[in-house]
């Protein structure tokens, strides 16, 4: 299962959390790659709203660089 925004040990700004939830929902719906890129772009832009740079990088690595897939054995 992919980590939801509320599962992080630090607060995720609402705009970022909404984009993350939309990305996860799109992944579960198995949308086309071109459509999925829209959700990745939204997370990319919204994650920059985070105040703590280290936390931002953790979130970006997890969602934008498929860190969730590596952690769960579903990706490269």
Protein backbone atom coordinates (compact mmCIF):
# COMPACT_ATOMS: atom_id res chain seq x y z
CA UNK A 1 0.00 0.00 0.00
CA UNK A 2 1.27 3.44 -0.90
CA UNK A 3 1.73 5.82 2.01
CA UNK A 4 -0.97 8.47 2.27
CA UNK A 5 -0.14 12.05 3.35
CA UNK A 6 -1.50 11.51 6.86
CA UNK A 7 0.86 8.53 7.30
CA UNK A 8 4.00 10.67 7.32
CA UNK A 9 5.53 11.51 10.73
CA UNK A 10 5.40 15.22 9.84
CA UNK A 11 2.66 17.49 8.51
CA UNK A 12 2.07 17.67 4.77
CA UNK A 13 0.53 20.95 3.53
CA UNK A 14 -3.08 20.53 2.44
CA UNK A 15 -2.44 21.39 -1.22
CA UNK A 16 0.35 18.82 -1.35
CA UNK A 17 -1.73 16.22 0.46
CA UNK A 18 -4.59 16.65 -2.00
CA UNK A 19 -2.24 16.19 -4.96
CA UNK A 20 -0.71 13.09 -3.38
CA UNK A 21 -4.15 11.58 -2.75
CA UNK A 22 -5.16 12.27 -6.35
CA UNK A 23 -1.95 10.63 -7.61
CA UNK A 24 -2.52 7.53 -5.47
CA UNK A 25 -6.13 7.30 -6.61
CA UNK A 26 -5.00 7.57 -10.26
CA UNK A 27 -2.42 4.82 -9.74
CA UNK A 28 -5.14 2.57 -8.33
CA UNK A 29 -7.39 3.35 -11.31
CA UNK A 30 -4.56 2.33 -13.67
CA UNK A 31 -4.89 5.43 -15.86
CA UNK A 32 -2.79 5.95 -18.98
CA UNK A 33 0.78 7.18 -18.65
CA UNK A 34 -0.08 10.50 -20.28
CA UNK A 35 -2.85 11.09 -17.75
CA UNK A 36 -0.69 9.89 -14.88
CA UNK A 37 1.96 12.47 -15.78
CA UNK A 38 -0.55 15.21 -14.93
CA UNK A 39 -0.82 13.87 -11.38
CA UNK A 40 2.96 13.53 -11.04
CA UNK A 41 3.35 17.15 -12.22
CA UNK A 42 0.82 18.31 -9.63
CA UNK A 43 2.70 16.56 -6.81
CA UNK A 44 5.96 17.98 -8.16
CA UNK A 45 4.66 21.54 -8.04
CA UNK A 46 2.73 21.29 -4.79
CA UNK A 47 5.49 19.54 -2.86
CA UNK A 48 7.55 22.71 -3.19
CA UNK A 49 5.11 24.29 -0.72
CA UNK A 50 6.70 22.34 2.11
CA UNK A 51 8.71 24.46 4.55
CA UNK A 52 11.26 21.83 5.53
CA UNK A 53 13.58 21.02 2.62
CA UNK A 54 14.60 17.60 3.97
CA UNK A 55 10.97 16.58 4.37
CA UNK A 56 10.17 17.90 0.91
CA UNK A 57 12.96 15.76 -0.56
CA UNK A 58 11.70 12.67 1.27
CA UNK A 59 8.19 13.20 -0.09
CA UNK A 60 9.47 13.93 -3.60
CA UNK A 61 11.68 10.83 -3.62
CA UNK A 62 8.83 8.66 -2.40
CA UNK A 63 6.16 9.79 -4.85
CA UNK A 64 8.01 11.24 -7.85
CA UNK A 65 10.87 8.78 -8.07
CA UNK A 66 8.78 5.71 -7.23
CA UNK A 67 10.33 5.25 -3.81
CA UNK A 68 7.02 3.67 -2.80
CA UNK A 69 7.51 0.94 -5.42
CA UNK A 70 10.99 0.12 -4.18
CA UNK A 71 9.86 0.00 -0.55
CA UNK A 72 6.98 -2.32 -1.43
CA UNK A 73 8.84 -4.52 -3.92
CA UNK A 74 6.71 -3.49 -6.89
CA UNK A 75 9.26 -1.55 -8.88
CA UNK A 76 12.86 -1.41 -9.95
